[in-house]
Amino acid sequence: MTVQTSARVAIAVPNLNQGQFLAAALDSLQHSGADVAIALVDAGSSDASVAIIRQRDRELTYSRSYPDDGQTAAINEGVAEACRLEPDVRYVGWLNADDLVLPGAFETLVRALEAHPDWSAVAGRAHCLSESGAVIAEIPTAPFSVEGFSHSCTICQPATLIRREAWEAIGGLDASLHMCFDYDLWWRLARVGTIGYVDTLIAASRDHAATKTRQRRQEYFREAIALVRRETGGVPWHWCISEALEHQAGWMLGRRPVGARKLLAGVEAVCAYLQRNYLASRAVAP
């Protein structure tokens, strides 16, 4: 590995039975262009993951494999342990075991953070990969803004890096969240500093049937809508119609209802929008 920046980076790698992807994720960190302290937090995998962890133990600053309290708690643990064991860490983040960072990616992000000391974090562009690793498309991303972020998460988490001081100032991830903890994180980080953006491909996020994003759509919408209401005081139409369309399509990501179910989705969305905005505001008015 050729290290191109001396800034120490701590990355937690949460994993549960992602052995078919884990080695590729670790390889990508070795070629990220930064001096990376890797904390591999495995939740008791029963596949090839444990063998991979043993084989690559020398690359890891911290590792363990046993049941834990969930992905968010594991990420917090991994970042904290890497920073404890490597006190000179300046930037932190995490990489899910089925995702990748591109060659030189962290060098780009570190240089951006060092050039902008007012930034609490930085994000870049990302590809969406198939299960086999083929590029499907580029994931839509954009610089953080309250208006844009209230409609959708415009930050792709694998393509990010966070200033350690900012992470510690807000207490890391909210471990009570299981789906939208990154969405919550960017809102809170934006309060302590600017979230910068680089117009460069940084990472790749893998889409496959076993992802939580596909498996737990109702929980995803419940958390996202609660967060956007917390931050803005209302719920934009986009969230209401998106949730209704997926509901009527059987909670299948990317699928849309047809015929009568499409009409039902419209009615459902209107009712939800009124309930979450107009009726809710009247209920709390003096």
Protein backbone atom coordinates (compact mmCIF):
# COMPACT_ATOMS: atom_id res chain seq x y z
CA MET A 1 0.00 0.00 0.00
CA THR A 2 1.29 3.43 -0.95
CA VAL A 3 0.26 6.02 1.62
CA GLN A 4 -0.20 9.44 0.02
CA THR A 5 -1.37 11.43 3.01
CA SER A 6 -0.02 11.16 6.55
CA ALA A 7 -3.31 12.07 8.22
CA ARG A 8 -4.57 9.11 10.24
CA VAL A 9 -8.10 7.94 9.41
CA ALA A 10 -10.22 5.56 11.52
CA ILE A 11 -12.82 3.46 9.72
CA ALA A 12 -15.25 1.06 11.38
CA VAL A 13 -16.33 -1.90 9.24
CA PRO A 14 -19.59 -3.40 10.57
CA ASN A 15 -20.26 -6.90 9.29
CA LEU A 16 -22.75 -9.72 9.64
CA ASN A 17 -22.51 -12.61 7.18
CA GLN A 18 -21.16 -10.47 4.35
CA GLY A 19 -18.17 -12.72 3.77
CA GLN A 20 -18.63 -12.73 0.00
CA PHE A 21 -17.95 -8.96 -0.02
CA LEU A 22 -15.75 -8.41 3.03
CA ALA A 23 -12.33 -9.00 1.45
CA ALA A 24 -13.10 -6.53 -1.34
CA ALA A 25 -14.11 -3.88 1.19
CA LEU A 26 -10.85 -4.36 3.13
CA ASP A 27 -8.83 -4.30 -0.10
CA SER A 28 -10.44 -0.99 -1.03
CA LEU A 29 -9.40 0.55 2.28
CA GLN A 30 -5.81 -0.54 1.67
CA HIS A 31 -5.83 1.46 -1.57
CA SER A 32 -7.74 4.49 -0.31
CA GLY A 33 -4.71 6.80 -0.29
CA ALA A 34 -4.68 7.29 3.49
CA ASP A 35 -3.21 5.73 6.61
CA VAL A 36 -6.30 3.84 7.78
CA ALA A 37 -6.90 2.31 11.21
CA ILE A 38 -9.53 -0.36 10.54
CA ALA A 39 -11.89 -1.53 13.27
CA LEU A 40 -13.77 -4.61 12.09
CA VAL A 41 -16.84 -5.15 14.24
CA ASP A 42 -18.44 -8.46 13.35
CA ALA A 43 -21.79 -9.35 14.90
CA GLY A 44 -21.14 -13.09 15.15
CA SER A 45 -21.10 -14.16 11.51
CA SER A 46 -21.59 -17.82 10.60
CA ASP A 47 -20.17 -17.57 7.08
CA ALA A 48 -16.63 -17.06 5.77
CA SER A 49 -16.27 -13.70 7.54
CA VAL A 50 -14.50 -15.05 10.62
CA ALA A 51 -11.88 -16.83 8.51
CA ILE A 52 -11.27 -13.61 6.55
CA ILE A 53 -10.87 -11.66 9.79
CA ARG A 54 -8.30 -14.17 11.05
CA GLN A 55 -6.39 -14.15 7.75
CA ARG A 56 -6.19 -10.36 7.71
CA ASP A 57 -5.70 -9.72 11.40
CA ARG A 58 -2.43 -7.82 10.84
CA GLU A 59 -4.28 -5.21 8.79
CA LEU A 60 -6.77 -4.53 11.57
CA THR A 61 -6.32 -2.10 14.44
CA TYR A 62 -9.27 -3.68 16.26
CA SER A 63 -11.50 -6.67 15.60
CA ARG A 64 -14.04 -8.85 17.36
CA SER A 65 -16.79 -11.29 16.43
CA TYR A 66 -19.81 -11.80 18.66
CA PRO A 67 -23.47 -10.70 18.79
CA ASP A 68 -23.89 -7.00 19.52
CA ASP A 69 -26.57 -4.33 19.92
CA GLY A 70 -26.92 -3.57 16.23
CA GLN A 71 -25.14 -1.79 13.42
CA THR A 72 -25.17 1.71 14.89
CA ALA A 73 -23.80 0.60 18.25
CA ALA A 74 -21.14 -1.45 16.46
CA ILE A 75 -20.02 1.51 14.35
CA ASN A 76 -19.77 3.72 17.43
CA GLU A 77 -17.74 1.01 19.14
CA GLY A 78 -15.43 0.57 16.18
CA VAL A 79 -14.70 4.28 15.80
CA ALA A 80 -14.15 4.68 19.56
CA GLU A 81 -11.78 1.69 19.75
CA ALA A 82 -9.77 2.76 16.71
CA CYS A 83 -9.38 6.26 18.16
CA ARG A 84 -8.40 4.84 21.56
CA LEU A 85 -5.77 2.58 20.06
CA GLU A 86 -4.55 5.20 17.56
CA PRO A 87 -4.76 8.57 19.40
CA ASP A 88 -3.44 10.50 16.38
CA VAL A 89 -6.58 9.78 14.33
CA ARG A 90 -7.94 13.00 12.83
CA TYR A 91 -10.78 11.79 10.62
CA VAL A 92 -13.35 9.02 11.07
CA GLY A 93 -16.09 7.16 9.27
CA TRP A 94 -17.36 3.70 8.47
CA LEU A 95 -17.60 1.37 5.50
CA ASN A 96 -20.26 -1.31 5.37
CA ALA A 97 -18.76 -4.68 4.49
CA ASP A 98 -20.59 -4.81 1.15
CA ASP A 99 -19.44 -1.34 0.00
CA LEU A 100 -16.16 -0.03 -1.44
CA VAL A 101 -14.06 3.11 -1.47
CA LEU A 102 -12.29 3.91 -4.73
CA PRO A 103 -8.49 4.15 -5.09
CA GLY A 104 -7.16 7.40 -3.63
CA ALA A 105 -10.59 8.34 -2.28
CA PHE A 106 -9.56 9.18 1.28
CA GLU A 107 -6.60 11.21 0.07
CA THR A 108 -9.10 13.41 -1.81
CA LEU A 109 -11.41 13.73 1.21
CA VAL A 110 -8.59 14.38 3.68
CA ARG A 111 -7.12 17.12 1.50
CA ALA A 112 -10.55 18.75 1.24
CA LEU A 113 -11.01 18.72 5.02
CA GLU A 114 -7.54 20.07 5.63
CA ALA A 115 -8.17 22.90 3.15
CA HIS A 116 -11.47 23.79 4.88
CA PRO A 117 -11.07 23.74 8.68
CA ASP A 118 -14.68 24.94 9.08
CA TRP A 119 -16.02 21.73 7.52
CA SER A 120 -17.35 19.15 9.98
CA ALA A 121 -17.45 16.50 7.25
CA VAL A 122 -17.08 16.07 3.52
CA ALA A 123 -18.97 14.01 0.95
CA GLY A 124 -18.40 13.08 -2.67
CA ARG A 125 -19.99 11.17 -5.51
CA ALA A 126 -20.64 7.42 -5.61
CA HIS A 127 -21.57 4.58 -7.92
CA CYS A 128 -24.27 2.00 -7.29
CA LEU A 129 -22.98 -1.55 -7.83
CA SER A 130 -24.81 -4.78 -8.51
CA GLU A 131 -24.25 -7.79 -6.26
CA SER A 132 -21.53 -8.97 -8.67
CA GLY A 133 -19.77 -5.60 -8.60
CA ALA A 134 -20.90 -4.19 -11.95
CA VAL A 135 -21.65 -0.46 -12.05
CA ILE A 136 -25.41 0.08 -12.37
CA ALA A 137 -25.56 3.87 -12.22
CA GLU A 138 -24.28 6.88 -10.33
CA ILE A 139 -26.12 7.56 -7.09
CA PRO A 140 -27.67 11.07 -7.06
CA THR A 141 -25.70 13.28 -4.64
CA ALA A 142 -25.49 17.01 -4.07
CA PRO A 143 -24.02 19.54 -1.62
CA PHE A 144 -25.88 19.65 1.67
CA SER A 145 -28.70 22.17 1.95
CA VAL A 146 -31.66 22.19 4.32
CA GLU A 147 -34.11 22.47 1.43
CA GLY A 148 -32.59 19.65 -0.59
CA PHE A 149 -31.99 17.40 2.40
CA SER A 150 -35.57 17.78 3.61
CA HIS A 151 -36.71 16.05 0.40
CA SER A 152 -34.13 13.26 0.25
CA CYS A 153 -30.75 12.21 1.57
CA THR A 154 -28.35 13.70 -0.97
CA ILE A 155 -25.25 12.24 0.74
CA CYS A 156 -24.03 8.71 -0.02
CA GLN A 157 -22.48 7.50 3.23
CA PRO A 158 -19.55 5.41 1.89
CA ALA A 159 -18.34 8.52 0.05
CA THR A 160 -17.85 10.55 3.24
CA LEU A 161 -15.32 11.37 5.92
CA ILE A 162 -15.91 13.15 9.23
CA ARG A 163 -13.65 15.32 11.33
CA ARG A 164 -12.98 13.46 14.57
CA GLU A 165 -13.72 16.49 16.76
CA ALA A 166 -17.12 16.93 15.11
CA TRP A 167 -17.98 13.23 15.52
CA GLU A 168 -17.11 13.35 19.20
CA ALA A 169 -18.89 16.67 19.73
CA ILE A 170 -22.23 15.20 18.65
CA GLY A 171 -21.66 11.78 20.24
CA GLY A 172 -21.41 9.75 17.04
CA LEU A 173 -24.42 7.85 15.73
CA ASP A 174 -27.78 7.69 17.47
CA ALA A 175 -27.91 4.00 18.41
CA SER A 176 -31.71 4.12 18.79
CA LEU A 177 -31.98 4.37 14.98
CA HIS A 178 -31.56 1.31 12.78
CA MET A 179 -32.29 2.53 9.24
CA CYS A 180 -31.72 6.27 8.88
CA PHE A 181 -28.87 6.82 11.33
CA ASP A 182 -26.72 8.36 8.59
CA TYR A 183 -29.54 10.76 7.58
CA ASP A 184 -29.78 11.80 11.22
CA LEU A 185 -26.00 12.15 11.47
CA TRP A 186 -25.72 14.64 8.59
CA TRP A 187 -28.44 16.83 10.07
CA ARG A 188 -26.61 16.96 13.40
CA LEU A 189 -23.17 17.46 11.85
CA ALA A 190 -24.52 20.40 9.86
CA ARG A 191 -25.17 22.18 13.17
CA VAL A 192 -21.50 22.10 14.20
CA GLY A 193 -19.91 22.94 10.84
CA THR A 194 -20.35 22.94 7.10
CA ILE A 195 -20.70 19.61 5.34
CA GLY A 196 -18.46 20.07 2.31
CA TYR A 197 -18.77 18.43 -1.07
CA VAL A 198 -16.21 17.33 -3.68
CA ASP A 199 -17.27 16.70 -7.25
CA THR A 200 -15.26 13.46 -7.45
CA LEU A 201 -16.22 9.78 -7.47
CA ILE A 202 -15.24 8.50 -4.03
CA ALA A 203 -17.04 5.22 -3.33
CA ALA A 204 -19.40 2.52 -4.51
CA SER A 205 -22.47 1.29 -2.66
CA ARG A 206 -23.62 -2.24 -3.43
CA ASP A 207 -27.31 -2.95 -4.00
CA HIS A 208 -28.51 -6.49 -3.39
CA ALA A 209 -31.59 -8.25 -2.05
CA ALA A 210 -30.24 -8.74 1.48
CA THR A 211 -29.62 -5.06 2.27
CA LYS A 212 -31.57 -3.49 5.11
CA THR A 213 -32.61 -0.73 2.72
CA ARG A 214 -34.56 -3.29 0.69
CA GLN A 215 -35.70 -5.55 3.52
CA ARG A 216 -37.08 -2.99 5.98
CA ARG A 217 -38.85 -0.32 3.94
CA GLN A 218 -41.61 0.50 6.44
CA GLU A 219 -39.06 1.10 9.19
CA TYR A 220 -36.99 3.21 6.79
CA PHE A 221 -39.90 5.54 6.03
CA ARG A 222 -40.94 5.74 9.68
CA GLU A 223 -37.49 6.89 10.78
CA ALA A 224 -36.88 9.22 7.83
CA ILE A 225 -40.22 10.99 8.20
CA ALA A 226 -39.74 11.44 11.95
CA LEU A 227 -36.30 12.96 11.32
CA VAL A 228 -37.40 15.39 8.63
CA ARG A 229 -40.29 16.51 10.80
CA ARG A 230 -37.88 17.06 13.71
CA GLU A 231 -35.58 19.17 11.56
CA THR A 232 -38.10 21.19 9.53
CA GLY A 233 -41.36 21.07 11.47
CA GLY A 234 -43.21 19.40 8.60
CA VAL A 235 -43.14 16.54 6.11
CA PRO A 236 -42.66 17.40 2.40
CA TRP A 237 -45.00 15.86 -0.17
CA HIS A 238 -42.13 13.79 -1.60
CA TRP A 239 -41.99 11.60 1.51
CA CYS A 240 -45.75 11.09 1.64
CA ILE A 241 -46.15 10.06 -2.00
CA SER A 242 -43.00 7.90 -2.00
CA GLU A 243 -44.17 6.01 1.08
CA ALA A 244 -47.69 5.55 -0.33
CA LEU A 245 -46.43 4.30 -3.70
CA GLU A 246 -44.17 1.73 -2.06
CA HIS A 247 -46.93 0.68 0.33
CA GLN A 248 -49.31 0.00 -2.55
CA ALA A 249 -46.56 -1.86 -4.42
CA GLY A 250 -45.94 -4.20 -1.48
CA TRP A 251 -42.98 -2.30 0.01
CA MET A 252 -40.75 -3.20 -2.94
CA LEU A 253 -38.00 -0.64 -3.56
CA GLY A 254 -38.15 0.68 -7.11
CA ARG A 255 -41.52 -0.91 -7.91
CA ARG A 256 -44.60 1.23 -8.55
CA PRO A 257 -48.27 0.23 -8.28
CA VAL A 258 -50.56 0.07 -11.28
CA GLY A 259 -54.27 0.52 -11.88
CA ALA A 260 -56.44 1.07 -8.84
CA ARG A 261 -53.52 0.75 -6.48
CA LYS A 262 -51.89 3.78 -8.09
CA LEU A 263 -55.02 5.80 -7.37
CA LEU A 264 -55.10 4.45 -3.82
CA ALA A 265 -51.52 5.60 -3.35
CA GLY A 266 -52.51 9.14 -4.31
CA VAL A 267 -55.37 9.17 -1.81
CA GLU A 268 -53.15 7.69 0.89
CA ALA A 269 -50.44 10.31 0.23
CA VAL A 270 -52.88 13.23 0.39
CA CYS A 271 -54.31 11.99 3.69
CA ALA A 272 -50.83 11.47 5.14
CA TYR A 273 -49.64 14.89 3.98
CA LEU A 274 -52.63 16.65 5.55
CA GLN A 275 -52.34 14.64 8.76
CA ARG A 276 -48.60 15.25 9.16
CA ASN A 277 -48.68 18.93 8.32
CA TYR A 278 -51.99 20.80 8.45
CA LEU A 279 -53.92 18.65 10.94
CA ALA A 280 -50.91 18.03 13.18
CA SER A 281 -50.13 21.77 13.39
CA ARG A 282 -53.74 22.57 14.30
CA ALA A 283 -53.72 19.92 17.02
CA VAL A 284 -50.84 21.62 18.87
CA ALA A 285 -51.96 25.21 18.24
CA PRO A 286 -53.02 27.16 21.35
